[in-house]
N, C-alpha and C. Protein backbone atom coordinates (compact mmCIF):
# COMPACT_ATOMS: atom_id res chain seq x y z
N MET A 1 0.85 -1.19 0.00
CA MET A 1 0.00 0.00 0.00
C MET A 1 0.88 1.24 0.00
N GLU A 2 0.57 2.17 -0.86
CA GLU A 2 1.35 3.39 -1.01
C GLU A 2 1.13 4.32 0.18
N PRO A 3 2.21 4.93 0.72
CA PRO A 3 2.03 5.89 1.81
C PRO A 3 1.27 7.14 1.33
N VAL A 4 0.31 7.57 2.14
CA VAL A 4 -0.53 8.72 1.76
C VAL A 4 -0.67 9.67 2.94
N ALA A 5 -1.03 10.88 2.62
CA ALA A 5 -1.48 11.85 3.62
C ALA A 5 -3.00 11.87 3.54
N ARG A 6 -3.65 11.78 4.68
CA ARG A 6 -5.12 11.85 4.70
C ARG A 6 -5.52 13.32 4.83
N VAL A 7 -6.25 13.77 3.84
CA VAL A 7 -6.63 15.18 3.73
C VAL A 7 -8.14 15.29 3.80
N GLY A 8 -8.63 16.19 4.64
CA GLY A 8 -10.07 16.42 4.75
C GLY A 8 -10.45 17.78 4.20
N VAL A 9 -11.39 17.79 3.27
CA VAL A 9 -11.84 19.04 2.66
C VAL A 9 -13.36 19.06 2.58
N THR A 10 -13.90 20.25 2.51
CA THR A 10 -15.31 20.44 2.19
C THR A 10 -15.38 20.95 0.76
N VAL A 11 -16.07 20.21 -0.09
CA VAL A 11 -16.21 20.58 -1.50
C VAL A 11 -17.56 21.26 -1.68
N THR A 12 -17.54 22.42 -2.34
CA THR A 12 -18.76 23.15 -2.67
C THR A 12 -19.00 23.04 -4.18
N PHE A 13 -20.16 22.54 -4.54
CA PHE A 13 -20.57 22.40 -5.94
C PHE A 13 -21.44 23.61 -6.29
N LEU A 14 -21.12 24.27 -7.41
CA LEU A 14 -21.82 25.48 -7.81
C LEU A 14 -22.31 25.35 -9.25
N ARG A 15 -23.32 26.16 -9.56
CA ARG A 15 -23.92 26.12 -10.90
C ARG A 15 -24.41 27.52 -11.27
N MET A 16 -24.36 27.80 -12.55
CA MET A 16 -24.90 29.04 -13.11
C MET A 16 -25.85 28.64 -14.23
N ASP A 17 -27.11 29.09 -14.14
CA ASP A 17 -28.12 28.71 -15.13
C ASP A 17 -28.44 29.80 -16.14
N ARG A 18 -27.86 30.98 -15.95
CA ARG A 18 -28.07 32.08 -16.89
C ARG A 18 -26.75 32.80 -17.14
N ARG A 19 -26.56 33.18 -18.37
CA ARG A 19 -25.36 33.94 -18.71
C ARG A 19 -25.41 35.29 -18.01
N PRO A 20 -24.29 35.75 -17.45
CA PRO A 20 -24.29 37.07 -16.82
C PRO A 20 -24.69 38.16 -17.82
N ALA A 21 -25.43 39.14 -17.32
CA ALA A 21 -25.92 40.22 -18.19
C ALA A 21 -24.78 41.14 -18.64
N ASP A 22 -23.78 41.30 -17.81
CA ASP A 22 -22.67 42.22 -18.13
C ASP A 22 -21.55 41.49 -18.85
N ASP A 23 -20.87 42.24 -19.72
CA ASP A 23 -19.66 41.71 -20.34
C ASP A 23 -18.59 41.54 -19.27
N PRO A 24 -17.65 40.62 -19.47
CA PRO A 24 -16.60 40.45 -18.47
C PRO A 24 -15.74 41.70 -18.38
N PRO A 25 -15.22 42.00 -17.17
CA PRO A 25 -14.33 43.15 -17.04
C PRO A 25 -13.06 42.94 -17.86
N ALA A 26 -12.41 44.02 -18.19
CA ALA A 26 -11.18 43.94 -18.98
C ALA A 26 -10.10 43.22 -18.19
N LEU A 27 -9.31 42.45 -18.91
CA LEU A 27 -8.13 41.84 -18.31
C LEU A 27 -7.12 42.94 -18.02
N PRO A 28 -6.17 42.71 -17.13
CA PRO A 28 -5.15 43.73 -16.85
C PRO A 28 -4.40 44.14 -18.12
N ALA A 29 -3.87 45.34 -18.13
CA ALA A 29 -3.11 45.84 -19.28
C ALA A 29 -2.00 44.86 -19.63
N GLY A 30 -1.91 44.55 -20.91
CA GLY A 30 -0.87 43.66 -21.39
C GLY A 30 -1.20 42.18 -21.27
N ALA A 31 -2.34 41.84 -20.68
CA ALA A 31 -2.73 40.43 -20.54
C ALA A 31 -3.56 40.01 -21.74
N ARG A 32 -3.43 38.76 -22.09
CA ARG A 32 -4.25 38.21 -23.17
C ARG A 32 -4.62 36.78 -22.83
N LEU A 33 -5.73 36.35 -23.36
CA LEU A 33 -6.23 35.00 -23.15
C LEU A 33 -6.11 34.24 -24.46
N GLU A 34 -5.59 33.03 -24.38
CA GLU A 34 -5.37 32.24 -25.59
C GLU A 34 -5.78 30.79 -25.35
N GLN A 35 -6.55 30.24 -26.28
CA GLN A 35 -6.87 28.82 -26.23
C GLN A 35 -5.69 28.05 -26.79
N VAL A 36 -5.30 27.00 -26.10
CA VAL A 36 -4.20 26.15 -26.58
C VAL A 36 -4.80 25.15 -27.56
N ALA A 37 -4.43 25.26 -28.81
CA ALA A 37 -5.06 24.45 -29.86
C ALA A 37 -4.84 22.96 -29.65
N ALA A 38 -3.66 22.55 -29.31
CA ALA A 38 -3.36 21.13 -29.09
C ALA A 38 -2.41 21.08 -27.89
N CYS A 39 -2.98 21.10 -26.72
CA CYS A 39 -2.18 21.18 -25.49
C CYS A 39 -1.39 19.89 -25.27
N SER A 40 -0.10 20.03 -25.12
CA SER A 40 0.74 18.86 -24.84
C SER A 40 0.60 18.47 -23.37
N VAL A 41 0.89 17.23 -23.08
CA VAL A 41 0.86 16.74 -21.71
C VAL A 41 1.86 17.52 -20.86
N GLY A 42 3.05 17.76 -21.38
CA GLY A 42 4.07 18.49 -20.63
C GLY A 42 3.65 19.90 -20.26
N PHE A 43 3.06 20.63 -21.21
CA PHE A 43 2.62 21.99 -20.93
C PHE A 43 1.46 21.98 -19.94
N TYR A 44 0.53 21.04 -20.13
CA TYR A 44 -0.59 20.94 -19.21
C TYR A 44 -0.09 20.66 -17.79
N ARG A 45 0.82 19.71 -17.67
CA ARG A 45 1.35 19.40 -16.34
C ARG A 45 2.04 20.61 -15.72
N HIS A 46 2.74 21.39 -16.53
CA HIS A 46 3.37 22.62 -16.00
C HIS A 46 2.30 23.56 -15.45
N LEU A 47 1.25 23.79 -16.21
CA LEU A 47 0.18 24.68 -15.76
C LEU A 47 -0.48 24.14 -14.50
N TYR A 48 -0.92 22.90 -14.56
CA TYR A 48 -1.64 22.26 -13.45
C TYR A 48 -0.79 22.21 -12.19
N ASN A 49 0.44 21.75 -12.33
CA ASN A 49 1.30 21.60 -11.16
C ASN A 49 1.68 22.94 -10.55
N THR A 50 1.91 23.95 -11.36
CA THR A 50 2.31 25.26 -10.84
C THR A 50 1.12 25.96 -10.19
N VAL A 51 -0.01 26.00 -10.87
CA VAL A 51 -1.19 26.66 -10.32
C VAL A 51 -1.66 25.94 -9.06
N GLY A 52 -1.66 24.62 -9.08
CA GLY A 52 -2.23 23.85 -7.99
C GLY A 52 -1.29 23.49 -6.86
N ALA A 53 -0.03 23.87 -6.95
CA ALA A 53 0.97 23.44 -5.96
C ALA A 53 0.58 23.80 -4.53
N ASP A 54 0.03 24.97 -4.32
CA ASP A 54 -0.31 25.42 -2.96
C ASP A 54 -1.72 25.02 -2.53
N TYR A 55 -2.45 24.31 -3.41
CA TYR A 55 -3.86 24.02 -3.13
C TYR A 55 -4.19 22.53 -3.19
N VAL A 56 -3.20 21.70 -3.06
CA VAL A 56 -3.35 20.24 -3.03
C VAL A 56 -4.06 19.72 -4.29
N TRP A 57 -3.73 20.29 -5.45
CA TRP A 57 -4.24 19.73 -6.70
C TRP A 57 -3.40 18.48 -6.97
N TRP A 58 -4.00 17.34 -6.78
CA TRP A 58 -3.23 16.11 -6.87
C TRP A 58 -3.76 15.10 -7.87
N LEU A 59 -5.04 15.12 -8.16
CA LEU A 59 -5.62 14.06 -8.98
C LEU A 59 -4.96 13.92 -10.35
N ARG A 60 -4.80 15.00 -11.07
CA ARG A 60 -4.23 14.90 -12.42
C ARG A 60 -2.74 14.53 -12.37
N ARG A 61 -2.09 14.75 -11.24
CA ARG A 61 -0.69 14.34 -11.10
C ARG A 61 -0.55 12.82 -11.13
N THR A 62 -1.63 12.11 -10.80
CA THR A 62 -1.58 10.65 -10.75
C THR A 62 -2.05 10.00 -12.05
N VAL A 63 -2.55 10.79 -12.97
CA VAL A 63 -3.07 10.26 -14.24
C VAL A 63 -1.88 9.98 -15.17
N PRO A 64 -1.79 8.76 -15.72
CA PRO A 64 -0.71 8.45 -16.67
C PRO A 64 -0.76 9.37 -17.90
N ASP A 65 0.41 9.60 -18.48
CA ASP A 65 0.51 10.50 -19.63
C ASP A 65 -0.43 10.14 -20.77
N ASP A 66 -0.58 8.85 -21.07
CA ASP A 66 -1.43 8.48 -22.20
C ASP A 66 -2.90 8.80 -21.92
N GLU A 67 -3.35 8.62 -20.68
CA GLU A 67 -4.73 8.97 -20.33
C GLU A 67 -4.94 10.49 -20.37
N LEU A 68 -3.95 11.23 -19.88
CA LEU A 68 -4.05 12.68 -19.91
C LEU A 68 -4.04 13.18 -21.36
N ALA A 69 -3.20 12.60 -22.20
CA ALA A 69 -3.17 12.98 -23.62
C ALA A 69 -4.53 12.73 -24.27
N ALA A 70 -5.16 11.61 -23.94
CA ALA A 70 -6.48 11.31 -24.51
C ALA A 70 -7.51 12.34 -24.06
N LEU A 71 -7.47 12.74 -22.79
CA LEU A 71 -8.39 13.76 -22.30
C LEU A 71 -8.17 15.08 -23.03
N LEU A 72 -6.91 15.47 -23.16
CA LEU A 72 -6.59 16.75 -23.81
C LEU A 72 -6.96 16.74 -25.30
N ALA A 73 -7.05 15.56 -25.90
CA ALA A 73 -7.43 15.45 -27.31
C ALA A 73 -8.94 15.43 -27.51
N GLU A 74 -9.70 15.32 -26.42
CA GLU A 74 -11.16 15.33 -26.52
C GLU A 74 -11.63 16.65 -27.14
N PRO A 75 -12.46 16.60 -28.17
CA PRO A 75 -12.94 17.85 -28.77
C PRO A 75 -13.76 18.72 -27.82
N CYS A 76 -14.34 18.10 -26.79
CA CYS A 76 -15.18 18.85 -25.84
C CYS A 76 -14.40 19.42 -24.66
N VAL A 77 -13.09 19.22 -24.65
CA VAL A 77 -12.25 19.74 -23.56
C VAL A 77 -11.32 20.78 -24.15
N SER A 78 -11.27 21.95 -23.54
CA SER A 78 -10.39 23.01 -24.04
C SER A 78 -9.59 23.62 -22.89
N ILE A 79 -8.36 23.99 -23.21
CA ILE A 79 -7.44 24.61 -22.26
C ILE A 79 -7.19 26.04 -22.71
N HIS A 80 -7.30 26.97 -21.77
CA HIS A 80 -7.14 28.39 -22.07
C HIS A 80 -6.12 28.96 -21.09
N VAL A 81 -5.19 29.76 -21.63
CA VAL A 81 -4.10 30.29 -20.82
C VAL A 81 -4.15 31.81 -20.81
N LEU A 82 -3.98 32.37 -19.63
CA LEU A 82 -3.82 33.81 -19.47
C LEU A 82 -2.34 34.09 -19.57
N TYR A 83 -1.96 34.96 -20.49
CA TYR A 83 -0.55 35.36 -20.64
C TYR A 83 -0.40 36.80 -20.17
N GLN A 84 0.65 37.04 -19.44
CA GLN A 84 0.99 38.39 -18.98
C GLN A 84 2.49 38.55 -19.19
N GLY A 85 2.88 39.54 -19.97
CA GLY A 85 4.29 39.75 -20.22
C GLY A 85 4.94 38.58 -20.94
N GLY A 86 4.17 37.86 -21.75
CA GLY A 86 4.70 36.76 -22.54
C GLY A 86 4.78 35.43 -21.83
N GLU A 87 4.45 35.38 -20.54
CA GLU A 87 4.52 34.11 -19.82
C GLU A 87 3.15 33.75 -19.26
N PRO A 88 2.93 32.44 -19.02
CA PRO A 88 1.63 32.05 -18.47
C PRO A 88 1.40 32.67 -17.09
N GLY A 89 0.18 33.21 -16.93
CA GLY A 89 -0.21 33.80 -15.66
C GLY A 89 -1.33 33.01 -14.99
N GLY A 90 -1.90 32.04 -15.71
CA GLY A 90 -2.97 31.22 -15.18
C GLY A 90 -3.57 30.40 -16.30
N PHE A 91 -4.48 29.51 -15.92
CA PHE A 91 -5.15 28.71 -16.95
C PHE A 91 -6.51 28.25 -16.43
N PHE A 92 -7.34 27.85 -17.37
CA PHE A 92 -8.58 27.16 -17.02
C PHE A 92 -8.88 26.09 -18.05
N GLU A 93 -9.67 25.13 -17.61
CA GLU A 93 -10.07 24.01 -18.45
C GLU A 93 -11.59 23.99 -18.50
N LEU A 94 -12.13 23.98 -19.71
CA LEU A 94 -13.57 23.86 -19.91
C LEU A 94 -13.85 22.45 -20.43
N ASP A 95 -14.82 21.80 -19.84
CA ASP A 95 -15.17 20.43 -20.19
C ASP A 95 -16.66 20.38 -20.53
N ALA A 96 -16.96 20.16 -21.80
CA ALA A 96 -18.35 20.12 -22.28
C ALA A 96 -18.81 18.70 -22.56
N ARG A 97 -18.15 17.70 -21.96
CA ARG A 97 -18.56 16.31 -22.22
C ARG A 97 -19.93 16.00 -21.61
N ALA A 98 -20.40 16.81 -20.65
CA ALA A 98 -21.74 16.60 -20.08
C ALA A 98 -22.73 17.59 -20.69
N TRP A 99 -22.53 17.88 -21.97
CA TRP A 99 -23.36 18.85 -22.70
C TRP A 99 -24.84 18.59 -22.45
N PRO A 100 -25.66 19.59 -22.24
CA PRO A 100 -25.44 21.00 -22.53
C PRO A 100 -24.86 21.81 -21.36
N ALA A 101 -24.31 21.15 -20.36
CA ALA A 101 -23.60 21.87 -19.30
C ALA A 101 -22.11 21.88 -19.62
N VAL A 102 -21.46 22.96 -19.28
CA VAL A 102 -20.01 23.07 -19.41
C VAL A 102 -19.45 23.20 -18.00
N ASN A 103 -18.47 22.37 -17.70
CA ASN A 103 -17.84 22.42 -16.39
C ASN A 103 -16.51 23.17 -16.47
N LEU A 104 -16.34 24.11 -15.56
CA LEU A 104 -15.07 24.78 -15.40
C LEU A 104 -14.26 23.86 -14.49
N SER A 105 -13.56 22.90 -15.11
CA SER A 105 -12.91 21.82 -14.37
C SER A 105 -11.77 22.30 -13.50
N TYR A 106 -10.95 23.16 -14.05
CA TYR A 106 -9.82 23.74 -13.31
C TYR A 106 -9.72 25.21 -13.67
N PHE A 107 -9.39 26.00 -12.68
CA PHE A 107 -9.23 27.44 -12.87
C PHE A 107 -8.25 27.94 -11.83
N GLY A 108 -7.28 28.73 -12.24
CA GLY A 108 -6.38 29.31 -11.25
C GLY A 108 -5.29 30.15 -11.86
N LEU A 109 -4.65 30.88 -10.99
CA LEU A 109 -3.55 31.77 -11.36
C LEU A 109 -2.22 31.18 -10.93
N MET A 110 -1.18 31.52 -11.69
CA MET A 110 0.18 31.20 -11.28
C MET A 110 0.48 32.02 -10.01
N PRO A 111 1.34 31.51 -9.15
CA PRO A 111 1.62 32.23 -7.89
C PRO A 111 2.02 33.69 -8.09
N HIS A 112 2.78 34.00 -9.12
CA HIS A 112 3.23 35.39 -9.32
C HIS A 112 2.10 36.34 -9.72
N MET A 113 0.93 35.81 -10.10
CA MET A 113 -0.20 36.66 -10.51
C MET A 113 -1.20 36.90 -9.39
N ILE A 114 -1.12 36.13 -8.32
CA ILE A 114 -2.08 36.26 -7.23
C ILE A 114 -1.88 37.58 -6.51
N GLY A 115 -2.99 38.26 -6.28
CA GLY A 115 -2.94 39.53 -5.56
C GLY A 115 -2.69 40.74 -6.42
N HIS A 116 -2.76 40.57 -7.75
CA HIS A 116 -2.51 41.70 -8.66
C HIS A 116 -3.76 42.12 -9.42
N GLY A 117 -4.93 41.65 -8.99
CA GLY A 117 -6.18 42.11 -9.57
C GLY A 117 -6.61 41.43 -10.86
N ALA A 118 -5.98 40.33 -11.23
CA ALA A 118 -6.33 39.66 -12.48
C ALA A 118 -7.39 38.58 -12.30
N GLY A 119 -7.52 38.02 -11.12
CA GLY A 119 -8.33 36.82 -10.91
C GLY A 119 -9.78 36.93 -11.30
N TYR A 120 -10.46 37.97 -10.82
CA TYR A 120 -11.90 38.07 -11.08
C TYR A 120 -12.18 38.28 -12.58
N ALA A 121 -11.42 39.17 -13.22
CA ALA A 121 -11.62 39.40 -14.66
C ALA A 121 -11.34 38.11 -15.44
N PHE A 122 -10.29 37.40 -15.05
CA PHE A 122 -9.94 36.13 -15.69
C PHE A 122 -11.08 35.13 -15.53
N LEU A 123 -11.64 35.03 -14.33
CA LEU A 123 -12.77 34.14 -14.08
C LEU A 123 -13.97 34.53 -14.95
N CYS A 124 -14.27 35.80 -15.03
CA CYS A 124 -15.41 36.25 -15.84
C CYS A 124 -15.21 35.90 -17.31
N HIS A 125 -13.98 35.98 -17.79
CA HIS A 125 -13.71 35.59 -19.18
C HIS A 125 -13.89 34.08 -19.37
N ALA A 126 -13.51 33.30 -18.38
CA ALA A 126 -13.72 31.84 -18.44
C ALA A 126 -15.22 31.54 -18.54
N VAL A 127 -16.00 32.18 -17.70
CA VAL A 127 -17.45 31.99 -17.70
C VAL A 127 -18.04 32.41 -19.05
N ASP A 128 -17.58 33.54 -19.57
CA ASP A 128 -18.07 34.04 -20.85
C ASP A 128 -17.79 33.04 -21.98
N LEU A 129 -16.60 32.46 -21.97
CA LEU A 129 -16.27 31.47 -23.01
C LEU A 129 -17.11 30.20 -22.87
N ALA A 130 -17.42 29.80 -21.65
CA ALA A 130 -18.28 28.64 -21.45
C ALA A 130 -19.66 28.90 -22.04
N TRP A 131 -20.21 30.08 -21.76
CA TRP A 131 -21.53 30.42 -22.31
C TRP A 131 -21.49 30.59 -23.83
N ALA A 132 -20.37 31.08 -24.35
CA ALA A 132 -20.24 31.29 -25.79
C ALA A 132 -20.33 29.97 -26.57
N GLN A 133 -20.11 28.85 -25.90
CA GLN A 133 -20.23 27.54 -26.56
C GLN A 133 -21.70 27.16 -26.77
N GLY A 134 -22.62 27.92 -26.20
CA GLY A 134 -24.04 27.61 -26.32
C GLY A 134 -24.56 26.77 -25.17
N ALA A 135 -23.85 26.75 -24.08
CA ALA A 135 -24.24 25.94 -22.92
C ALA A 135 -25.57 26.41 -22.35
N LEU A 136 -26.24 25.48 -21.67
CA LEU A 136 -27.46 25.82 -20.93
C LEU A 136 -27.17 26.00 -19.45
N ALA A 137 -25.97 25.60 -19.02
CA ALA A 137 -25.54 25.76 -17.63
C ALA A 137 -24.02 25.67 -17.58
N VAL A 138 -23.46 26.33 -16.56
CA VAL A 138 -22.02 26.24 -16.31
C VAL A 138 -21.86 25.80 -14.86
N THR A 139 -21.00 24.82 -14.64
CA THR A 139 -20.78 24.30 -13.30
C THR A 139 -19.30 24.45 -12.92
N VAL A 140 -19.07 24.42 -11.62
CA VAL A 140 -17.72 24.47 -11.08
C VAL A 140 -17.78 23.93 -9.67
N ASN A 141 -16.67 23.45 -9.15
CA ASN A 141 -16.62 23.16 -7.73
C ASN A 141 -15.31 23.67 -7.18
N THR A 142 -15.31 23.93 -5.89
CA THR A 142 -14.12 24.39 -5.18
C THR A 142 -14.13 23.71 -3.83
N CYS A 143 -13.02 23.80 -3.14
CA CYS A 143 -12.95 23.15 -1.84
C CYS A 143 -12.11 23.98 -0.88
N THR A 144 -12.12 23.55 0.36
CA THR A 144 -11.41 24.30 1.40
C THR A 144 -9.90 24.20 1.27
N ALA A 145 -9.38 23.42 0.32
CA ALA A 145 -7.95 23.42 0.04
C ALA A 145 -7.58 24.53 -0.95
N ASP A 146 -8.57 25.05 -1.68
CA ASP A 146 -8.33 26.10 -2.67
C ASP A 146 -8.07 27.44 -1.99
N HIS A 147 -7.71 28.42 -2.81
CA HIS A 147 -7.47 29.77 -2.29
C HIS A 147 -8.72 30.24 -1.56
N PRO A 148 -8.57 30.93 -0.42
CA PRO A 148 -9.74 31.35 0.34
C PRO A 148 -10.67 32.31 -0.42
N ARG A 149 -10.17 32.96 -1.46
CA ARG A 149 -11.03 33.86 -2.24
C ARG A 149 -11.75 33.15 -3.38
N ALA A 150 -11.51 31.85 -3.56
CA ALA A 150 -12.11 31.13 -4.69
C ALA A 150 -13.64 31.10 -4.59
N LEU A 151 -14.17 30.60 -3.49
CA LEU A 151 -15.62 30.49 -3.36
C LEU A 151 -16.31 31.85 -3.46
N PRO A 152 -15.86 32.89 -2.74
CA PRO A 152 -16.50 34.21 -2.91
C PRO A 152 -16.42 34.73 -4.35
N ALA A 153 -15.33 34.46 -5.05
CA ALA A 153 -15.21 34.91 -6.44
C ALA A 153 -16.22 34.20 -7.34
N TYR A 154 -16.40 32.91 -7.14
CA TYR A 154 -17.38 32.18 -7.95
C TYR A 154 -18.79 32.72 -7.70
N ILE A 155 -19.11 32.98 -6.47
CA ILE A 155 -20.44 33.52 -6.15
C ILE A 155 -20.60 34.91 -6.74
N ARG A 156 -19.58 35.75 -6.62
CA ARG A 156 -19.62 37.10 -7.20
C ARG A 156 -19.80 37.05 -8.71
N ALA A 157 -19.22 36.03 -9.35
CA ALA A 157 -19.32 35.91 -10.82
C ALA A 157 -20.69 35.41 -11.27
N GLY A 158 -21.52 34.94 -10.32
CA GLY A 158 -22.88 34.54 -10.67
C GLY A 158 -23.21 33.08 -10.41
N PHE A 159 -22.25 32.31 -9.91
CA PHE A 159 -22.55 30.92 -9.55
C PHE A 159 -23.34 30.88 -8.25
N ARG A 160 -24.17 29.85 -8.11
CA ARG A 160 -24.87 29.66 -6.84
C ARG A 160 -24.49 28.29 -6.28
N PRO A 161 -24.21 28.24 -4.99
CA PRO A 161 -23.87 26.95 -4.38
C PRO A 161 -25.07 26.01 -4.41
N LEU A 162 -24.82 24.75 -4.76
CA LEU A 162 -25.86 23.73 -4.78
C LEU A 162 -25.81 22.86 -3.53
N ARG A 163 -24.59 22.44 -3.19
CA ARG A 163 -24.43 21.56 -2.03
C ARG A 163 -22.96 21.55 -1.61
N GLN A 164 -22.75 21.10 -0.38
CA GLN A 164 -21.40 20.90 0.13
C GLN A 164 -21.26 19.45 0.58
N VAL A 165 -20.09 18.88 0.32
CA VAL A 165 -19.82 17.50 0.67
C VAL A 165 -18.46 17.45 1.37
N ARG A 166 -18.41 16.74 2.47
CA ARG A 166 -17.15 16.53 3.16
C ARG A 166 -16.46 15.33 2.53
N GLU A 167 -15.20 15.50 2.10
CA GLU A 167 -14.45 14.42 1.47
C GLU A 167 -13.14 14.20 2.20
N GLN A 168 -12.66 12.97 2.15
CA GLN A 168 -11.32 12.66 2.63
C GLN A 168 -10.54 12.09 1.45
N TRP A 169 -9.38 12.68 1.23
CA TRP A 169 -8.53 12.26 0.12
C TRP A 169 -7.31 11.53 0.68
N ASN A 170 -6.88 10.53 -0.04
CA ASN A 170 -5.62 9.86 0.26
C ASN A 170 -4.60 10.35 -0.77
N VAL A 171 -3.86 11.39 -0.40
CA VAL A 171 -2.92 12.03 -1.32
C VAL A 171 -1.58 11.30 -1.22
N PRO A 172 -1.11 10.70 -2.31
CA PRO A 172 0.16 9.98 -2.27
C PRO A 172 1.32 10.90 -1.86
N LEU A 173 2.09 10.44 -0.89
CA LEU A 173 3.24 11.23 -0.41
C LEU A 173 4.29 11.41 -1.50
N ARG A 174 4.37 10.46 -2.43
CA ARG A 174 5.37 10.53 -3.50
C ARG A 174 5.21 11.79 -4.36
N LEU A 175 4.03 12.42 -4.31
CA LEU A 175 3.79 13.63 -5.10
C LEU A 175 4.54 14.83 -4.54
N GLY A 176 4.92 14.76 -3.26
CA GLY A 176 5.69 15.84 -2.65
C GLY A 176 4.92 17.13 -2.44
N LEU A 177 3.61 17.05 -2.36
CA LEU A 177 2.81 18.26 -2.19
C LEU A 177 2.91 18.79 -0.76
N ARG A 178 2.90 20.11 -0.64
CA ARG A 178 2.82 20.75 0.67
C ARG A 178 1.35 20.75 1.09
N ILE A 179 1.06 20.10 2.19
CA ILE A 179 -0.32 20.02 2.65
C ILE A 179 -0.42 20.80 3.95
N PRO A 180 -1.25 21.84 3.97
CA PRO A 180 -1.41 22.62 5.20
C PRO A 180 -1.91 21.75 6.36
N ASP A 181 -1.38 22.00 7.54
CA ASP A 181 -1.78 21.23 8.72
C ASP A 181 -3.29 21.24 8.93
N ARG A 182 -3.95 22.36 8.60
CA ARG A 182 -5.39 22.49 8.82
C ARG A 182 -6.20 21.47 8.02
N LEU A 183 -5.61 20.88 6.99
CA LEU A 183 -6.32 19.94 6.13
C LEU A 183 -6.05 18.48 6.50
N LEU A 184 -5.03 18.25 7.31
CA LEU A 184 -4.68 16.87 7.65
C LEU A 184 -5.67 16.27 8.63
N VAL A 185 -6.05 15.01 8.37
CA VAL A 185 -6.97 14.31 9.27
C VAL A 185 -6.21 13.29 10.08
């Protein structure tokens, strides 16, 4: 049996049933959003691992490269990167495999972008792109391992909480993730 850290989180599931009436706020000066046409496993892992390092994003770290490549090749899954000054500042993943709902599977900023006012505008652009696909609903979930401003930002953007579930994760120690003491069970 693989050594694990037992992590306890509360997961909040959210949904948006109507497109926001307002256009998304402008991204910060010099920032641009770009869809990655054919995201490589290596680039995806860089984005996922860097954005999620402080928030116990572990599931995709355990997915074998061939399975991750197959997911990234799905026509209903898209990866979008926020660039600032020519380098990635964050990313999000839209998953429309449960059409007509689109799930904002992953969303986050690189550590160097946190606290600089980009997050909310970036989130609103993610939501706008999900609705632009013709979705009838947009879903997302967050948990108590995520940034403390994640849940309030989702609600501010127009999502409504549906339910909360207490989960315990067995996070493999081999991943080397920093797990805050407050999450350990």
